[in-house]
């Protein structure tokens, strides 16, 4: 018996400003900073160009770029541990993190 994925990966999905802003409306799980949760969702769900746009909206909304996860790490620290995270670290630094 083979298992079927319930979602197909979407490549080249278009993120207009409204789609990017929609990442500001996610609800954080209990015990997780809303600011950190929103940053992490954007990091995991956006390419670098969309992420840079998101960071502008994030800052305009008054969120904290240096919010930490329950382990006390910022997204900048976490992205720095990932092979593909260098551009995201640079974007966070440029935004003021």
PDB file of N, CA and C in Angstrom:
ATOM      1  N   UNK A   1       0.846  -1.172   0.000  1.00  0.00           N
ATOM      2  CA  UNK A   1       0.000   0.000   0.000  1.00  0.00           C
ATOM      3  C   UNK A   1       0.895   1.240   0.000  1.00  0.00           C
ATOM      4  N   UNK A   2       0.642   2.147  -0.903  1.00  0.00           N
ATOM      5  CA  UNK A   2       1.424   3.379  -0.941  1.00  0.00           C
ATOM      6  C   UNK A   2       0.619   4.521  -0.332  1.00  0.00           C
ATOM      7  N   UNK A   3       1.334   5.370   0.338  1.00  0.00           N
ATOM      8  CA  UNK A   3       0.688   6.523   0.946  1.00  0.00           C
ATOM      9  C   UNK A   3       0.767   7.693  -0.008  1.00  0.00           C
ATOM     10  N   UNK A   4      -0.296   8.450  -0.054  1.00  0.00           N
ATOM     11  CA  UNK A   4      -0.371   9.589  -0.957  1.00  0.00           C
ATOM     12  C   UNK A   4      -0.239  10.878  -0.152  1.00  0.00           C
ATOM     13  N   UNK A   5       0.575  11.787  -0.643  1.00  0.00           N
ATOM     14  CA  UNK A   5       0.683  13.084   0.026  1.00  0.00           C
ATOM     15  C   UNK A   5      -0.643  13.817  -0.112  1.00  0.00           C
ATOM     16  N   UNK A   6      -1.055  14.508   0.949  1.00  0.00           N
ATOM     17  CA  UNK A   6      -2.314  15.244   0.871  1.00  0.00           C
ATOM     18  C   UNK A   6      -2.118  16.651   0.306  1.00  0.00           C
ATOM     19  N   UNK A   7      -0.871  17.072   0.132  1.00  0.00           N
ATOM     20  CA  UNK A   7      -0.599  18.391  -0.434  1.00  0.00           C
ATOM     21  C   UNK A   7       0.537  18.268  -1.437  1.00  0.00           C
ATOM     22  N   UNK A   8       0.400  18.946  -2.522  1.00  0.00           N
ATOM     23  CA  UNK A   8       1.471  19.024  -3.501  1.00  0.00           C
ATOM     24  C   UNK A   8       2.298  20.268  -3.201  1.00  0.00           C
ATOM     25  N   UNK A   9       3.590  20.173  -3.399  1.00  0.00           N
ATOM     26  CA  UNK A   9       4.446  21.342  -3.218  1.00  0.00           C
ATOM     27  C   UNK A   9       4.184  22.300  -4.375  1.00  0.00           C
ATOM     28  N   UNK A  10       3.967  23.552  -4.034  1.00  0.00           N
ATOM     29  CA  UNK A  10       3.711  24.564  -5.060  1.00  0.00           C
ATOM     30  C   UNK A  10       4.998  25.322  -5.308  1.00  0.00           C
ATOM     31  N   UNK A  11       5.475  25.253  -6.532  1.00  0.00           N
ATOM     32  CA  UNK A  11       6.687  25.970  -6.894  1.00  0.00           C
ATOM     33  C   UNK A  11       6.309  27.241  -7.630  1.00  0.00           C
ATOM     34  N   UNK A  12       7.017  28.316  -7.348  1.00  0.00           N
ATOM     35  CA  UNK A  12       6.758  29.561  -8.042  1.00  0.00           C
ATOM     36  C   UNK A  12       5.452  30.233  -7.643  1.00  0.00           C
ATOM     37  N   UNK A  13       4.958  29.931  -6.441  1.00  0.00           N
ATOM     38  CA  UNK A  13       3.720  30.549  -5.977  1.00  0.00           C
ATOM     39  C   UNK A  13       3.897  32.059  -5.918  1.00  0.00           C
ATOM     40  N   UNK A  14       2.888  32.769  -6.405  1.00  0.00           N
ATOM     41  CA  UNK A  14       2.946  34.226  -6.422  1.00  0.00           C
ATOM     42  C   UNK A  14       2.538  34.773  -5.053  1.00  0.00           C
ATOM     43  N   UNK A  15       3.397  35.599  -4.495  1.00  0.00           N
ATOM     44  CA  UNK A  15       3.124  36.254  -3.222  1.00  0.00           C
ATOM     45  C   UNK A  15       2.990  37.747  -3.496  1.00  0.00           C
ATOM     46  N   UNK A  16       1.748  38.219  -3.629  1.00  0.00           N
ATOM     47  CA  UNK A  16       1.560  39.662  -3.729  1.00  0.00           C
ATOM     48  C   UNK A  16       1.602  40.231  -2.306  1.00  0.00           C
ATOM     49  N   UNK A  17       1.502  41.555  -2.187  1.00  0.00           N
ATOM     50  CA  UNK A  17       1.608  42.171  -0.862  1.00  0.00           C
ATOM     51  C   UNK A  17       0.568  41.635   0.115  1.00  0.00           C
ATOM     52  N   UNK A  18      -0.636  41.390  -0.359  1.00  0.00           N
ATOM     53  CA  UNK A  18      -1.682  40.873   0.538  1.00  0.00           C
ATOM     54  C   UNK A  18      -1.339  39.479   1.050  1.00  0.00           C
ATOM     55  N   UNK A  19      -0.783  38.654   0.188  1.00  0.00           N
ATOM     56  CA  UNK A  19      -0.375  37.304   0.595  1.00  0.00           C
ATOM     57  C   UNK A  19       0.755  37.387   1.610  1.00  0.00           C
ATOM     58  N   UNK A  20       1.713  38.260   1.367  1.00  0.00           N
ATOM     59  CA  UNK A  20       2.821  38.443   2.297  1.00  0.00           C
ATOM     60  C   UNK A  20       2.290  38.934   3.643  1.00  0.00           C
ATOM     61  N   UNK A  21       1.399  39.922   3.617  1.00  0.00           N
ATOM     62  CA  UNK A  21       0.819  40.455   4.862  1.00  0.00           C
ATOM     63  C   UNK A  21       0.011  39.409   5.622  1.00  0.00           C
ATOM     64  N   UNK A  22      -0.530  38.430   4.907  1.00  0.00           N
ATOM     65  CA  UNK A  22      -1.340  37.401   5.574  1.00  0.00           C
ATOM     66  C   UNK A  22      -0.515  36.620   6.599  1.00  0.00           C
ATOM     67  N   UNK A  23       0.804  36.629   6.450  1.00  0.00           N
ATOM     68  CA  UNK A  23       1.662  35.932   7.412  1.00  0.00           C
ATOM     69  C   UNK A  23       1.722  36.665   8.751  1.00  0.00           C
ATOM     70  N   UNK A  24       1.178  37.868   8.820  1.00  0.00           N
ATOM     71  CA  UNK A  24       1.116  38.598  10.082  1.00  0.00           C
ATOM     72  C   UNK A  24      -0.083  38.192  10.927  1.00  0.00           C
ATOM     73  N   UNK A  25      -0.916  37.321  10.387  1.00  0.00           N
ATOM     74  CA  UNK A  25      -2.149  36.972  11.107  1.00  0.00           C
ATOM     75  C   UNK A  25      -2.122  35.575  11.723  1.00  0.00           C
ATOM     76  N   UNK A  26      -0.998  34.884  11.655  1.00  0.00           N
ATOM     77  CA  UNK A  26      -0.929  33.551  12.256  1.00  0.00           C
ATOM     78  C   UNK A  26      -0.945  33.660  13.772  1.00  0.00           C
ATOM     79  N   UNK A  27      -1.601  32.707  14.396  1.00  0.00           N
ATOM     80  CA  UNK A  27      -1.675  32.670  15.854  1.00  0.00           C
ATOM     81  C   UNK A  27      -0.581  31.754  16.387  1.00  0.00           C
ATOM     82  N   UNK A  28       0.140  32.235  17.369  1.00  0.00           N
ATOM     83  CA  UNK A  28       1.240  31.454  17.947  1.00  0.00           C
ATOM     84  C   UNK A  28       0.706  30.390  18.903  1.00  0.00           C
ATOM     85  N   UNK A  29       1.386  29.250  18.949  1.00  0.00           N
ATOM     86  CA  UNK A  29       1.019  28.229  19.938  1.00  0.00           C
ATOM     87  C   UNK A  29       1.310  28.739  21.350  1.00  0.00           C
ATOM     88  N   UNK A  30       0.689  28.137  22.325  1.00  0.00           N
ATOM     89  CA  UNK A  30       0.939  28.509  23.720  1.00  0.00           C
ATOM     90  C   UNK A  30       2.426  28.395  24.034  1.00  0.00           C
ATOM     91  N   UNK A  31       2.944  29.388  24.713  1.00  0.00           N
ATOM     92  CA  UNK A  31       4.329  29.370  25.128  1.00  0.00           C
ATOM     93  C   UNK A  31       5.315  29.883  24.093  1.00  0.00           C
ATOM     94  N   UNK A  32       4.815  30.298  22.931  1.00  0.00           N
ATOM     95  CA  UNK A  32       5.691  30.808  21.874  1.00  0.00           C
ATOM     96  C   UNK A  32       5.347  32.274  21.628  1.00  0.00           C
ATOM     97  N   UNK A  33       6.366  33.105  21.575  1.00  0.00           N
ATOM     98  CA  UNK A  33       6.189  34.527  21.285  1.00  0.00           C
ATOM     99  C   UNK A  33       5.510  34.695  19.928  1.00  0.00           C
ATOM    100  N   UNK A  34       4.492  35.523  19.882  1.00  0.00           N
ATOM    101  CA  UNK A  34       3.816  35.791  18.605  1.00  0.00           C
ATOM    102  C   UNK A  34       4.800  36.359  17.596  1.00  0.00           C
ATOM    103  N   UNK A  35       5.635  37.287  18.031  1.00  0.00           N
ATOM    104  CA  UNK A  35       6.599  37.903  17.127  1.00  0.00           C
ATOM    105  C   UNK A  35       7.532  36.850  16.518  1.00  0.00           C
ATOM    106  N   UNK A  36       8.063  35.983  17.356  1.00  0.00           N
ATOM    107  CA  UNK A  36       8.947  34.931  16.858  1.00  0.00           C
ATOM    108  C   UNK A  36       8.200  33.993  15.913  1.00  0.00           C
ATOM    109  N   UNK A  37       7.014  33.612  16.295  1.00  0.00           N
ATOM    110  CA  UNK A  37       6.219  32.679  15.486  1.00  0.00           C
ATOM    111  C   UNK A  37       5.973  33.231  14.082  1.00  0.00           C
ATOM    112  N   UNK A  38       5.626  34.507  14.000  1.00  0.00           N
ATOM    113  CA  UNK A  38       5.369  35.122  12.704  1.00  0.00           C
ATOM    114  C   UNK A  38       6.638  35.144  11.849  1.00  0.00           C
ATOM    115  N   UNK A  39       7.760  35.486  12.458  1.00  0.00           N
ATOM    116  CA  UNK A  39       9.026  35.479  11.730  1.00  0.00           C
ATOM    117  C   UNK A  39       9.367  34.079  11.228  1.00  0.00           C
ATOM    118  N   UNK A  40       9.194  33.110  12.089  1.00  0.00           N
ATOM    119  CA  UNK A  40       9.537  31.729  11.710  1.00  0.00           C
ATOM    120  C   UNK A  40       8.646  31.215  10.584  1.00  0.00           C
ATOM    121  N   UNK A  41       7.356  31.510  10.652  1.00  0.00           N
ATOM    122  CA  UNK A  41       6.434  31.081   9.583  1.00  0.00           C
ATOM    123  C   UNK A  41       6.849  31.704   8.251  1.00  0.00           C
ATOM    124  N   UNK A  42       7.205  32.979   8.267  1.00  0.00           N
ATOM    125  CA  UNK A  42       7.627  33.646   7.035  1.00  0.00           C
ATOM    126  C   UNK A  42       8.942  33.049   6.530  1.00  0.00           C
ATOM    127  N   UNK A  43       9.870  32.805   7.421  1.00  0.00           N
ATOM    128  CA  UNK A  43      11.166  32.217   7.048  1.00  0.00           C
ATOM    129  C   UNK A  43      10.971  30.861   6.386  1.00  0.00           C
ATOM    130  N   UNK A  44      10.102  30.061   6.952  1.00  0.00           N
ATOM    131  CA  UNK A  44       9.880  28.708   6.425  1.00  0.00           C
ATOM    132  C   UNK A  44       9.006  28.691   5.172  1.00  0.00           C
ATOM    133  N   UNK A  45       8.203  29.734   4.982  1.00  0.00           N
ATOM    134  CA  UNK A  45       7.236  29.701   3.894  1.00  0.00           C
ATOM    135  C   UNK A  45       7.487  30.629   2.725  1.00  0.00           C
ATOM    136  N   UNK A  46       8.557  31.416   2.795  1.00  0.00           N
ATOM    137  CA  UNK A  46       8.778  32.418   1.743  1.00  0.00           C
ATOM    138  C   UNK A  46      10.179  32.314   1.162  1.00  0.00           C
ATOM    139  N   UNK A  47      10.277  32.695  -0.109  1.00  0.00           N
ATOM    140  CA  UNK A  47      11.614  32.844  -0.684  1.00  0.00           C
ATOM    141  C   UNK A  47      12.192  34.157  -0.150  1.00  0.00           C
ATOM    142  N   UNK A  48      13.452  34.405  -0.420  1.00  0.00           N
ATOM    143  CA  UNK A  48      14.132  35.553   0.178  1.00  0.00           C
ATOM    144  C   UNK A  48      13.510  36.883  -0.229  1.00  0.00           C
ATOM    145  N   UNK A  49      13.080  37.010  -1.474  1.00  0.00           N
ATOM    146  CA  UNK A  49      12.488  38.281  -1.904  1.00  0.00           C
ATOM    147  C   UNK A  49      11.207  38.589  -1.143  1.00  0.00           C
ATOM    148  N   UNK A  50      10.362  37.587  -0.987  1.00  0.00           N
ATOM    149  CA  UNK A  50       9.120  37.771  -0.236  1.00  0.00           C
ATOM    150  C   UNK A  50       9.411  38.015   1.242  1.00  0.00           C
ATOM    151  N   UNK A  51      10.438  37.349   1.769  1.00  0.00           N
ATOM    152  CA  UNK A  51      10.796  37.510   3.167  1.00  0.00           C
ATOM    153  C   UNK A  51      11.239  38.949   3.451  1.00  0.00           C
ATOM    154  N   UNK A  52      12.008  39.533   2.546  1.00  0.00           N
ATOM    155  CA  UNK A  52      12.440  40.930   2.711  1.00  0.00           C
ATOM    156  C   UNK A  52      11.224  41.853   2.747  1.00  0.00           C
ATOM    157  N   UNK A  53      10.273  41.623   1.852  1.00  0.00           N
ATOM    158  CA  UNK A  53       9.033  42.406   1.850  1.00  0.00           C
ATOM    159  C   UNK A  53       8.291  42.221   3.166  1.00  0.00           C
ATOM    160  N   UNK A  54       8.210  40.969   3.624  1.00  0.00           N
ATOM    161  CA  UNK A  54       7.547  40.663   4.890  1.00  0.00           C
ATOM    162  C   UNK A  54       8.190  41.430   6.042  1.00  0.00           C
ATOM    163  N   UNK A  55       9.520  41.470   6.079  1.00  0.00           N
ATOM    164  CA  UNK A  55      10.206  42.153   7.173  1.00  0.00           C
ATOM    165  C   UNK A  55       9.802  43.625   7.258  1.00  0.00           C
ATOM    166  N   UNK A  56       9.596  44.253   6.115  1.00  0.00           N
ATOM    167  CA  UNK A  56       9.136  45.645   6.128  1.00  0.00           C
ATOM    168  C   UNK A  56       7.758  45.762   6.762  1.00  0.00           C
ATOM    169  N   UNK A  57       6.834  44.898   6.371  1.00  0.00           N
ATOM    170  CA  UNK A  57       5.486  44.918   6.958  1.00  0.00           C
ATOM    171  C   UNK A  57       5.537  44.573   8.447  1.00  0.00           C
ATOM    172  N   UNK A  58       6.380  43.635   8.809  1.00  0.00           N
ATOM    173  CA  UNK A  58       6.545  43.183  10.189  1.00  0.00           C
ATOM    174  C   UNK A  58       6.989  44.352  11.066  1.00  0.00           C
ATOM    175  N   UNK A  59       7.997  45.080  10.601  1.00  0.00           N
ATOM    176  CA  UNK A  59       8.492  46.229  11.358  1.00  0.00           C
ATOM    177  C   UNK A  59       7.451  47.339  11.431  1.00  0.00           C
ATOM    178  N   UNK A  60       6.767  47.615  10.317  1.00  0.00           N
ATOM    179  CA  UNK A  60       5.727  48.644  10.296  1.00  0.00           C
ATOM    180  C   UNK A  60       4.623  48.340  11.300  1.00  0.00           C
ATOM    181  N   UNK A  61       4.356  47.060  11.517  1.00  0.00           N
ATOM    182  CA  UNK A  61       3.307  46.652  12.454  1.00  0.00           C
ATOM    183  C   UNK A  61       3.788  46.699  13.907  1.00  0.00           C
ATOM    184  N   UNK A  62       5.077  47.005  14.106  1.00  0.00           N
ATOM    185  CA  UNK A  62       5.590  47.159  15.464  1.00  0.00           C
ATOM    186  C   UNK A  62       6.074  45.876  16.122  1.00  0.00           C
ATOM    187  N   UNK A  63       6.289  44.835  15.339  1.00  0.00           N
ATOM    188  CA  UNK A  63       6.776  43.573  15.901  1.00  0.00           C
ATOM    189  C   UNK A  63       8.284  43.629  16.130  1.00  0.00           C
ATOM    190  N   UNK A  64       8.782  42.705  16.945  1.00  0.00           N
ATOM    191  CA  UNK A  64      10.177  42.670  17.376  1.00  0.00           C
ATOM    192  C   UNK A  64      10.989  41.679  16.549  1.00  0.00           C
ATOM    193  N   UNK A  65      11.969  42.186  15.794  1.00  0.00           N
ATOM    194  CA  UNK A  65      12.842  41.340  14.976  1.00  0.00           C
ATOM    195  C   UNK A  65      13.743  40.446  15.827  1.00  0.00           C
ATOM    196  N   UNK A  66      13.923  40.793  17.083  1.00  0.00           N
ATOM    197  CA  UNK A  66      14.806  40.033  17.967  1.00  0.00           C
ATOM    198  C   UNK A  66      14.043  39.164  18.960  1.00  0.00           C
ATOM    199  N   UNK A  67      12.790  38.881  18.645  1.00  0.00           N
ATOM    200  CA  UNK A  67      11.990  37.992  19.501  1.00  0.00           C
ATOM    201  C   UNK A  67      12.659  36.621  19.544  1.00  0.00           C
ATOM    202  N   UNK A  68      12.467  35.920  20.643  1.00  0.00           N
ATOM    203  CA  UNK A  68      13.114  34.621  20.805  1.00  0.00           C
ATOM    204  C   UNK A  68      12.093  33.485  20.899  1.00  0.00           C
ATOM    205  N   UNK A  69      12.567  32.304  20.564  1.00  0.00           N
ATOM    206  CA  UNK A  69      11.744  31.103  20.722  1.00  0.00           C
ATOM    207  C   UNK A  69      11.814  30.656  22.182  1.00  0.00           C
ATOM    208  N   UNK A  70      11.104  29.603  22.562  1.00  0.00           N
ATOM    209  CA  UNK A  70      11.145  29.162  23.966  1.00  0.00           C
ATOM    210  C   UNK A  70      12.543  28.776  24.458  1.00  0.00           C
ATOM    211  N   UNK A  71      13.476  28.488  23.541  1.00  0.00           N
ATOM    212  CA  UNK A  71      14.850  28.152  23.919  1.00  0.00           C
ATOM    213  C   UNK A  71      15.753  29.381  24.002  1.00  0.00           C
ATOM    214  N   UNK A  72      15.183  30.572  23.767  1.00  0.00           N
ATOM    215  CA  UNK A  72      15.941  31.799  23.869  1.00  0.00           C
ATOM    216  C   UNK A  72      16.721  32.182  22.621  1.00  0.00           C
ATOM    217  N   UNK A  73      16.435  31.540  21.494  1.00  0.00           N
ATOM    218  CA  UNK A  73      17.143  31.851  20.252  1.00  0.00           C
ATOM    219  C   UNK A  73      16.305  32.767  19.369  1.00  0.00           C
ATOM    220  N   UNK A  74      16.982  33.693  18.703  1.00  0.00           N
ATOM    221  CA  UNK A  74      16.313  34.547  17.723  1.00  0.00           C
ATOM    222  C   UNK A  74      16.264  33.806  16.386  1.00  0.00           C
ATOM    223  N   UNK A  75      15.433  34.294  15.482  1.00  0.00           N
ATOM    224  CA  UNK A  75      15.377  33.682  14.158  1.00  0.00           C
ATOM    225  C   UNK A  75      16.708  33.874  13.439  1.00  0.00           C
ATOM    226  N   UNK A  76      17.348  34.998  13.664  1.00  0.00           N
ATOM    227  CA  UNK A  76      18.652  35.249  13.039  1.00  0.00           C
ATOM    228  C   UNK A  76      19.655  34.177  13.470  1.00  0.00           C
ATOM    229  N   UNK A  77      19.651  33.805  14.731  1.00  0.00           N
ATOM    230  CA  UNK A  77      20.551  32.755  15.221  1.00  0.00           C
ATOM    231  C   UNK A  77      20.202  31.407  14.595  1.00  0.00           C
ATOM    232  N   UNK A  78      18.929  31.106  14.522  1.00  0.00           N
ATOM    233  CA  UNK A  78      18.487  29.821  13.977  1.00  0.00           C
ATOM    234  C   UNK A  78      18.809  29.730  12.486  1.00  0.00           C
ATOM    235  N   UNK A  79      18.495  30.782  11.739  1.00  0.00           N
ATOM    236  CA  UNK A  79      18.771  30.780  10.303  1.00  0.00           C
ATOM    237  C   UNK A  79      20.264  30.653  10.044  1.00  0.00           C
ATOM    238  N   UNK A  80      21.077  31.201  10.922  1.00  0.00           N
ATOM    239  CA  UNK A  80      22.528  31.112  10.779  1.00  0.00           C
ATOM    240  C   UNK A  80      23.049  29.692  10.908  1.00  0.00           C
ATOM    241  N   UNK A  81      22.257  28.817  11.501  1.00  0.00           N
ATOM    242  CA  UNK A  81      22.643  27.410  11.653  1.00  0.00           C
ATOM    243  C   UNK A  81      22.240  26.574  10.444  1.00  0.00           C
ATOM    244  N   UNK A  82      21.475  27.156   9.532  1.00  0.00           N
ATOM    245  CA  UNK A  82      20.984  26.434   8.357  1.00  0.00           C
ATOM    246  C   UNK A  82      21.838  26.759   7.144  1.00  0.00           C
ATOM    247  N   UNK A  83      22.102  25.762   6.341  1.00  0.00           N
ATOM    248  CA  UNK A  83      22.900  25.961   5.138  1.00  0.00           C
ATOM    249  C   UNK A  83      22.311  26.984   4.193  1.00  0.00           C
ATOM    250  N   UNK A  84      20.994  27.018   4.097  1.00  0.00           N
ATOM    251  CA  UNK A  84      20.324  27.941   3.173  1.00  0.00           C
ATOM    252  C   UNK A  84      19.946  29.266   3.837  1.00  0.00           C
ATOM    253  N   UNK A  85      20.341  29.467   5.077  1.00  0.00           N
ATOM    254  CA  UNK A  85      19.863  30.614   5.829  1.00  0.00           C
ATOM    255  C   UNK A  85      20.660  31.895   5.703  1.00  0.00           C
ATOM    256  N   UNK A  86      21.796  31.863   5.018  1.00  0.00           N
ATOM    257  CA  UNK A  86      22.673  33.043   4.976  1.00  0.00           C
ATOM    258  C   UNK A  86      21.965  34.288   4.454  1.00  0.00           C
ATOM    259  N   UNK A  87      21.207  34.158   3.376  1.00  0.00           N
ATOM    260  CA  UNK A  87      20.505  35.323   2.823  1.00  0.00           C
ATOM    261  C   UNK A  87      19.466  35.865   3.805  1.00  0.00           C
ATOM    262  N   UNK A  88      18.844  34.966   4.547  1.00  0.00           N
ATOM    263  CA  UNK A  88      17.833  35.368   5.522  1.00  0.00           C
ATOM    264  C   UNK A  88      18.493  36.090   6.700  1.00  0.00           C
ATOM    265  N   UNK A  89      19.659  35.607   7.110  1.00  0.00           N
ATOM    266  CA  UNK A  89      20.412  36.276   8.173  1.00  0.00           C
ATOM    267  C   UNK A  89      20.778  37.689   7.724  1.00  0.00           C
ATOM    268  N   UNK A  90      21.250  37.818   6.483  1.00  0.00           N
ATOM    269  CA  UNK A  90      21.597  39.135   5.948  1.00  0.00           C
ATOM    270  C   UNK A  90      20.374  40.056   5.898  1.00  0.00           C
ATOM    271  N   UNK A  91      19.227  39.501   5.486  1.00  0.00           N
ATOM    272  CA  UNK A  91      18.005  40.303   5.426  1.00  0.00           C
ATOM    273  C   UNK A  91      17.570  40.758   6.809  1.00  0.00           C
ATOM    274  N   UNK A  92      17.665  39.869   7.790  1.00  0.00           N
ATOM    275  CA  UNK A  92      17.305  40.225   9.160  1.00  0.00           C
ATOM    276  C   UNK A  92      18.247  41.304   9.696  1.00  0.00           C
ATOM    277  N   UNK A  93      19.536  41.156   9.436  1.00  0.00           N
ATOM    278  CA  UNK A  93      20.503  42.155   9.882  1.00  0.00           C
ATOM    279  C   UNK A  93      20.241  43.506   9.227  1.00  0.00           C
ATOM    280  N   UNK A  94      19.964  43.507   7.930  1.00  0.00           N
ATOM    281  CA  UNK A  94      19.690  44.742   7.212  1.00  0.00           C
ATOM    282  C   UNK A  94      18.425  45.425   7.737  1.00  0.00           C
ATOM    283  N   UNK A  95      17.487  44.613   8.241  1.00  0.00           N
ATOM    284  CA  UNK A  95      16.242  45.160   8.775  1.00  0.00           C
ATOM    285  C   UNK A  95      16.398  45.656  10.206  1.00  0.00           C
ATOM    286  N   UNK A  96      17.545  45.330  10.826  1.00  0.00           N
ATOM    287  CA  UNK A  96      17.790  45.828  12.169  1.00  0.00           C
ATOM    288  C   UNK A  96      17.864  44.777  13.264  1.00  0.00           C
ATOM    289  N   UNK A  97      17.847  43.512  12.892  1.00  0.00           N
ATOM    290  CA  UNK A  97      17.943  42.442  13.905  1.00  0.00           C
ATOM    291  C   UNK A  97      19.374  42.260  14.335  1.00  0.00           C
TER     292      UNK A  97
END
